[in-house]
Amino acid sequence: MHQHIHVVLKIPAHKLLYYYEGEVDTVVVRATDGRVIRFPANILRTVVQSDGVQGTFELVFDEHHKFVSIARISD
């Protein structure tokens, strides 16, 4: 069974450089349900826009807590 978690991300473009330069490899964020979620920063690459990563996203993990997908669900 997959786990669907909603998070609000507000990461400006200049802060994403830390991820791309390898200084930071993990994102820690509080989900909308209050849980603290940690995930690899590299999964953000598919949702980066010119202003960074902004909006509400749905993260999907499998039953073994492995990342499946990320999708923007609102701005």
C-alpha atoms as a PDB file:
ATOM      1  CA  MET A   1       0.000   0.000   0.000  1.00  0.00           C
ATOM      2  CA  HIS A   2       1.380   3.381  -0.990  1.00  0.00           C
ATOM      3  CA  GLN A   3       1.640   6.270   1.417  1.00  0.00           C
ATOM      4  CA  HIS A   4       0.559   9.690   0.091  1.00  0.00           C
ATOM      5  CA  ILE A   5       1.985  12.652   1.988  1.00  0.00           C
ATOM      6  CA  HIS A   6       1.277  16.322   1.305  1.00  0.00           C
ATOM      7  CA  VAL A   7       3.940  18.941   1.978  1.00  0.00           C
ATOM      8  CA  VAL A   8       4.214  22.668   1.364  1.00  0.00           C
ATOM      9  CA  LEU A   9       7.615  23.600  -0.054  1.00  0.00           C
ATOM     10  CA  LYS A  10       9.001  27.116  -0.366  1.00  0.00           C
ATOM     11  CA  ILE A  11      12.588  26.697  -1.477  1.00  0.00           C
ATOM     12  CA  PRO A  12      13.950  29.674  -3.416  1.00  0.00           C
ATOM     13  CA  ALA A  13      16.194  28.982  -6.407  1.00  0.00           C
ATOM     14  CA  HIS A  14      19.362  30.229  -4.662  1.00  0.00           C
ATOM     15  CA  LYS A  15      18.897  27.689  -1.835  1.00  0.00           C
ATOM     16  CA  LEU A  16      18.583  24.838  -4.319  1.00  0.00           C
ATOM     17  CA  LEU A  17      22.242  25.405  -5.178  1.00  0.00           C
ATOM     18  CA  TYR A  18      23.131  23.739  -1.863  1.00  0.00           C
ATOM     19  CA  TYR A  19      21.439  20.576  -3.109  1.00  0.00           C
ATOM     20  CA  TYR A  20      22.997  20.694  -6.568  1.00  0.00           C
ATOM     21  CA  GLU A  21      26.483  21.382  -5.176  1.00  0.00           C
ATOM     22  CA  GLY A  22      26.181  18.395  -2.864  1.00  0.00           C
ATOM     23  CA  GLU A  23      26.314  20.366   0.388  1.00  0.00           C
ATOM     24  CA  VAL A  24      22.837  19.155   1.362  1.00  0.00           C
ATOM     25  CA  ASP A  25      21.412  15.803   0.324  1.00  0.00           C
ATOM     26  CA  THR A  26      18.264  15.535   2.452  1.00  0.00           C
ATOM     27  CA  VAL A  27      15.141  17.670   2.750  1.00  0.00           C
ATOM     28  CA  VAL A  28      13.361  17.753   6.100  1.00  0.00           C
ATOM     29  CA  VAL A  29       9.839  19.190   6.078  1.00  0.00           C
ATOM     30  CA  ARG A  30       6.686  19.031   8.167  1.00  0.00           C
ATOM     31  CA  ALA A  31       3.824  17.404   6.273  1.00  0.00           C
ATOM     32  CA  THR A  32       0.384  19.001   6.318  1.00  0.00           C
ATOM     33  CA  ASP A  33      -0.699  16.331   8.823  1.00  0.00           C
ATOM     34  CA  GLY A  34       2.104  17.322  11.232  1.00  0.00           C
ATOM     35  CA  ARG A  35       4.550  14.472  10.570  1.00  0.00           C
ATOM     36  CA  VAL A  36       8.191  15.318   9.960  1.00  0.00           C
ATOM     37  CA  ILE A  37       9.276  13.866   6.625  1.00  0.00           C
ATOM     38  CA  ARG A  38      12.844  13.344   5.382  1.00  0.00           C
ATOM     39  CA  PHE A  39      13.535  12.594   1.748  1.00  0.00           C
ATOM     40  CA  PRO A  40      16.446  12.788  -0.707  1.00  0.00           C
ATOM     41  CA  ALA A  41      16.854  16.260  -2.185  1.00  0.00           C
ATOM     42  CA  ASN A  42      17.437  14.842  -5.656  1.00  0.00           C
ATOM     43  CA  ILE A  43      13.735  14.007  -6.044  1.00  0.00           C
ATOM     44  CA  LEU A  44      13.044  17.748  -6.286  1.00  0.00           C
ATOM     45  CA  ARG A  45      14.795  17.962  -9.657  1.00  0.00           C
ATOM     46  CA  THR A  46      11.608  17.056 -11.503  1.00  0.00           C
ATOM     47  CA  VAL A  47       9.626  19.916  -9.909  1.00  0.00           C
ATOM     48  CA  VAL A  48      12.161  22.780  -9.949  1.00  0.00           C
ATOM     49  CA  GLN A  49      11.009  25.935 -11.714  1.00  0.00           C
ATOM     50  CA  SER A  50      12.794  29.229 -12.325  1.00  0.00           C
ATOM     51  CA  ASP A  51      11.785  30.532  -8.876  1.00  0.00           C
ATOM     52  CA  GLY A  52      12.797  27.312  -7.086  1.00  0.00           C
ATOM     53  CA  VAL A  53      10.365  24.801  -5.634  1.00  0.00           C
ATOM     54  CA  GLN A  54       7.161  26.480  -4.506  1.00  0.00           C
ATOM     55  CA  GLY A  55       3.740  25.008  -3.767  1.00  0.00           C
ATOM     56  CA  THR A  56       1.956  22.044  -2.236  1.00  0.00           C
ATOM     57  CA  PHE A  57       3.224  18.659  -3.366  1.00  0.00           C
ATOM     58  CA  GLU A  58       2.112  15.078  -2.961  1.00  0.00           C
ATOM     59  CA  LEU A  59       4.916  12.646  -2.197  1.00  0.00           C
ATOM     60  CA  VAL A  60       4.208   8.964  -2.708  1.00  0.00           C
ATOM     61  CA  PHE A  61       6.213   6.232  -0.967  1.00  0.00           C
ATOM     62  CA  ASP A  62       5.781   2.482  -1.221  1.00  0.00           C
ATOM     63  CA  GLU A  63       5.213   0.067   1.661  1.00  0.00           C
ATOM     64  CA  HIS A  64       9.002  -0.091   2.197  1.00  0.00           C
ATOM     65  CA  HIS A  65       9.233   3.721   2.474  1.00  0.00           C
ATOM     66  CA  LYS A  66      10.904   3.966  -0.944  1.00  0.00           C
ATOM     67  CA  PHE A  67      10.141   7.047  -3.004  1.00  0.00           C
ATOM     68  CA  VAL A  68       7.669   6.500  -5.856  1.00  0.00           C
ATOM     69  CA  SER A  69       6.703   9.968  -7.115  1.00  0.00           C
ATOM     70  CA  ILE A  70       6.293  13.681  -6.447  1.00  0.00           C
ATOM     71  CA  ALA A  71       3.645  15.918  -8.010  1.00  0.00           C
ATOM     72  CA  ARG A  72       2.621  19.539  -7.535  1.00  0.00           C
ATOM     73  CA  ILE A  73      -1.010  19.655  -6.423  1.00  0.00           C
ATOM     74  CA  SER A  74      -1.330  23.434  -5.976  1.00  0.00           C
ATOM     75  CA  ASP A  75       0.688  26.641  -6.187  1.00  0.00           C
END
